[in-house]
Amino acid sequence: MKVAFKPGTMIYPLPAVMVSCGDGPENYNIITIAWTGTICSDPPMCYISVRPERHSHGLIMRTGEFVINLTTSELARQTDWCGVRSGRDCNKFREMSLTPGVGQVVKAPIIEESPLNIECRVVEVKRLGTHDMFIANVVAVYAEESLIDKSTGQFQLNHAGPMAFSHGKYYSLGEKIGGFGFSVKKPRRK
């Protein structure tokens, strides 16, 4: 039996990412975002949704750039703190002992402690109600070298302890239960 709920945002779990923005050390900021995702593979595009009253919203509107920094269980405290504190009142990099790194394409900093950094350039802003969606081209990606499988060249985020957000709580991701296409893969003959 199902129980009816009022319409709402029930697509969970979501990635909990730290989005870095700003175009110089004097205005670098970090905002924690769960409303994010991939929207196109060719060209590579993604989005973040941000409330207009947030400090980072104005920085991203002005610069048209941001970096999505994936998070891990080890970064859970920093991820949460950067989501509940305002960059208007503090320097989040300094307060959380995070290192702003230099990317190759955008002026927004990467977070060195993150296992994967995705540099983005905004191509469209959709005003949607409580949030504005920043649709962006992915212009550069950086992966932690220790997480790249030497034999396949594949990035293995699962080895970094990725975390997710679900209904106001953070979770570490569990064990692998299959791979893409496993349900239709033919068994190997002996």
Protein backbone atom coordinates (compact mmCIF):
# COMPACT_ATOMS: atom_id res chain seq x y z
CA MET A 1 0.00 0.00 0.00
CA LYS A 2 1.24 3.51 -0.84
CA VAL A 3 0.82 6.67 1.23
CA ALA A 4 0.15 9.92 -0.66
CA PHE A 5 2.57 12.78 -0.07
CA LYS A 6 2.21 16.39 -1.13
CA PRO A 7 4.24 17.17 -4.27
CA GLY A 8 7.85 17.85 -3.33
CA THR A 9 11.48 17.14 -4.00
CA MET A 10 11.66 13.42 -3.28
CA ILE A 11 14.47 12.36 -5.63
CA TYR A 12 17.09 11.09 -3.19
CA PRO A 13 19.95 10.41 -2.56
CA LEU A 14 21.77 13.28 -4.20
CA PRO A 15 25.43 14.18 -4.37
CA ALA A 16 26.52 16.64 -1.71
CA VAL A 17 29.09 18.83 -3.44
CA MET A 18 31.05 21.90 -2.49
CA VAL A 19 30.82 24.53 -5.21
CA SER A 20 33.65 27.05 -5.22
CA CYS A 21 33.27 30.44 -6.86
CA GLY A 22 34.76 33.93 -7.02
CA ASP A 23 37.44 35.38 -9.28
CA GLY A 24 40.16 36.29 -6.80
CA PRO A 25 41.41 35.29 -3.33
CA GLU A 26 39.63 38.29 -1.81
CA ASN A 27 36.21 36.90 -2.80
CA TYR A 28 36.68 33.12 -3.06
CA ASN A 29 33.71 31.29 -1.55
CA ILE A 30 32.30 27.80 -1.10
CA ILE A 31 28.63 26.82 -1.06
CA THR A 32 27.34 23.31 -0.39
CA ILE A 33 24.85 22.17 -3.01
CA ALA A 34 22.70 19.05 -3.34
CA TRP A 35 20.65 20.32 -6.31
CA THR A 36 23.20 19.39 -8.97
CA GLY A 37 23.63 16.93 -11.78
CA THR A 38 24.61 16.03 -15.31
CA ILE A 39 22.35 17.24 -18.12
CA CYS A 40 24.28 16.43 -21.32
CA SER A 41 27.29 14.32 -22.29
CA ASP A 42 28.18 15.92 -25.64
CA PRO A 43 28.91 18.70 -25.04
CA PRO A 44 29.52 17.89 -21.38
CA MET A 45 27.09 20.00 -19.33
CA CYS A 46 25.85 20.11 -15.77
CA TYR A 47 23.84 22.34 -13.49
CA ILE A 48 23.62 23.68 -9.97
CA SER A 49 20.58 25.35 -8.41
CA VAL A 50 21.14 28.17 -5.92
CA ARG A 51 18.78 30.39 -3.95
CA PRO A 52 19.13 34.04 -5.12
CA GLU A 53 19.68 35.28 -1.55
CA ARG A 54 22.81 33.14 -1.10
CA HIS A 55 26.15 34.97 -1.24
CA SER A 56 27.51 32.60 -3.91
CA HIS A 57 24.57 33.33 -6.21
CA GLY A 58 25.77 36.90 -6.77
CA LEU A 59 29.38 35.77 -7.31
CA ILE A 60 28.34 33.20 -9.93
CA MET A 61 25.99 35.66 -11.65
CA ARG A 62 28.81 38.22 -11.89
CA THR A 63 31.60 35.85 -13.02
CA GLY A 64 29.63 33.22 -14.93
CA GLU A 65 31.94 30.52 -13.51
CA PHE A 66 32.08 27.95 -10.72
CA VAL A 67 33.75 24.65 -9.81
CA ILE A 68 31.89 21.56 -8.61
CA ASN A 69 34.09 19.75 -6.07
CA LEU A 70 32.99 16.21 -5.21
CA THR A 71 32.99 15.32 -1.53
CA THR A 72 33.90 12.32 0.59
CA SER A 73 33.12 11.02 4.06
CA GLU A 74 36.37 12.64 5.21
CA LEU A 75 35.06 16.02 4.00
CA ALA A 76 31.63 15.65 5.64
CA ARG A 77 32.23 18.27 8.36
CA GLN A 78 33.63 20.83 5.89
CA THR A 79 30.81 20.13 3.45
CA ASP A 80 28.13 20.67 6.08
CA TRP A 81 29.83 23.76 7.59
CA CYS A 82 30.16 25.43 4.18
CA GLY A 83 26.42 24.89 3.68
CA VAL A 84 25.27 26.49 6.92
CA ARG A 85 27.68 29.46 7.14
CA SER A 86 27.63 32.47 4.84
CA GLY A 87 30.66 33.62 2.91
CA ARG A 88 29.50 37.18 3.65
CA ASP A 89 30.64 36.62 7.25
CA CYS A 90 33.78 34.47 6.95
CA ASN A 91 36.45 32.98 4.71
CA LYS A 92 35.31 29.38 4.36
CA PHE A 93 38.62 28.18 2.91
CA ARG A 94 40.51 29.47 5.94
CA GLU A 95 37.90 28.43 8.53
CA MET A 96 37.73 24.85 7.22
CA SER A 97 41.46 24.51 6.37
CA LEU A 98 40.67 23.90 2.71
CA THR A 99 43.16 24.77 -0.01
CA PRO A 100 42.09 26.95 -2.95
CA GLY A 101 43.85 25.66 -6.04
CA VAL A 102 44.28 27.22 -9.44
CA GLY A 103 42.34 25.70 -12.30
CA GLN A 104 43.22 25.92 -15.97
CA VAL A 105 40.16 27.58 -17.48
CA VAL A 106 38.03 29.44 -14.93
CA LYS A 107 39.12 31.93 -12.28
CA ALA A 108 37.07 30.22 -9.55
CA PRO A 109 39.32 28.08 -7.32
CA ILE A 110 39.30 24.29 -7.14
CA ILE A 111 39.30 22.69 -3.69
CA GLU A 112 42.54 20.71 -3.52
CA GLU A 113 41.19 18.27 -0.90
CA SER A 114 38.36 17.17 -3.19
CA PRO A 115 38.98 13.99 -5.24
CA LEU A 116 37.38 15.47 -8.37
CA ASN A 117 37.02 19.08 -9.51
CA ILE A 118 34.78 20.10 -12.41
CA GLU A 119 35.35 23.58 -13.85
CA CYS A 120 32.16 25.07 -15.26
CA ARG A 121 31.22 28.10 -17.35
CA VAL A 122 27.58 29.25 -17.19
CA VAL A 123 25.67 29.29 -20.49
CA GLU A 124 22.16 29.94 -19.16
CA VAL A 125 20.38 30.88 -15.94
CA LYS A 126 16.81 29.65 -15.46
CA ARG A 127 14.80 31.38 -12.75
CA LEU A 128 12.60 28.66 -11.30
CA GLY A 129 11.05 29.93 -8.06
CA THR A 130 13.01 29.37 -4.86
CA HIS A 131 16.17 28.58 -6.86
CA ASP A 132 17.92 29.72 -10.02
CA MET A 133 19.41 26.95 -12.13
CA PHE A 134 22.87 27.66 -13.53
CA ILE A 135 23.30 25.54 -16.65
CA ALA A 136 26.97 25.23 -17.51
CA ASN A 137 29.47 23.76 -19.90
CA VAL A 138 32.13 21.57 -18.30
CA VAL A 139 35.39 23.16 -19.43
CA ALA A 140 37.97 21.18 -17.39
CA VAL A 141 38.10 18.25 -14.97
CA TYR A 142 40.80 17.28 -12.46
CA ALA A 143 40.98 13.87 -10.75
CA GLU A 144 43.08 12.77 -7.80
CA GLU A 145 45.86 10.70 -9.38
CA SER A 146 45.76 8.03 -6.65
CA LEU A 147 42.13 7.25 -7.64
CA ILE A 148 42.92 6.46 -11.28
CA ASP A 149 43.21 2.76 -12.07
CA LYS A 150 46.64 2.34 -13.68
CA SER A 151 45.52 -0.54 -15.93
CA THR A 152 42.24 0.92 -17.23
CA GLY A 153 42.71 4.67 -16.78
CA GLN A 154 39.29 4.84 -15.11
CA PHE A 155 38.58 7.19 -12.23
CA GLN A 156 37.48 5.22 -9.15
CA LEU A 157 35.55 7.60 -6.92
CA ASN A 158 34.28 4.64 -4.89
CA HIS A 159 37.79 4.31 -3.41
CA ALA A 160 37.55 7.86 -2.01
CA GLY A 161 34.50 7.22 0.20
CA PRO A 162 31.96 9.39 -1.65
CA MET A 163 29.03 10.77 0.28
CA ALA A 164 25.44 11.59 -0.58
CA PHE A 165 22.62 13.71 0.86
CA SER A 166 19.15 12.34 1.62
CA HIS A 167 16.34 14.15 3.44
CA GLY A 168 18.62 16.44 5.45
CA LYS A 169 21.26 13.83 6.29
CA TYR A 170 24.64 12.82 4.86
CA TYR A 171 25.49 9.19 4.04
CA SER A 172 28.55 7.35 2.84
CA LEU A 173 27.84 5.20 -0.19
CA GLY A 174 27.67 1.43 0.25
CA GLU A 175 28.95 -1.57 -1.61
CA LYS A 176 28.73 -2.16 -5.34
CA ILE A 177 25.70 -4.22 -6.39
CA GLY A 178 26.30 -4.32 -10.14
CA GLY A 179 27.63 -2.43 -13.13
CA PHE A 180 25.89 -0.76 -16.05
CA GLY A 181 24.30 -3.51 -18.17
CA PHE A 182 24.85 -6.31 -15.62
CA SER A 183 21.20 -7.36 -15.84
CA VAL A 184 21.47 -8.28 -19.53
CA LYS A 185 25.08 -9.42 -19.71
CA LYS A 186 25.43 -12.95 -21.04
CA PRO A 187 27.32 -15.40 -18.84
CA ARG A 188 30.82 -16.32 -20.00
CA ARG A 189 31.22 -19.80 -21.42
CA LYS A 190 33.71 -22.06 -19.74
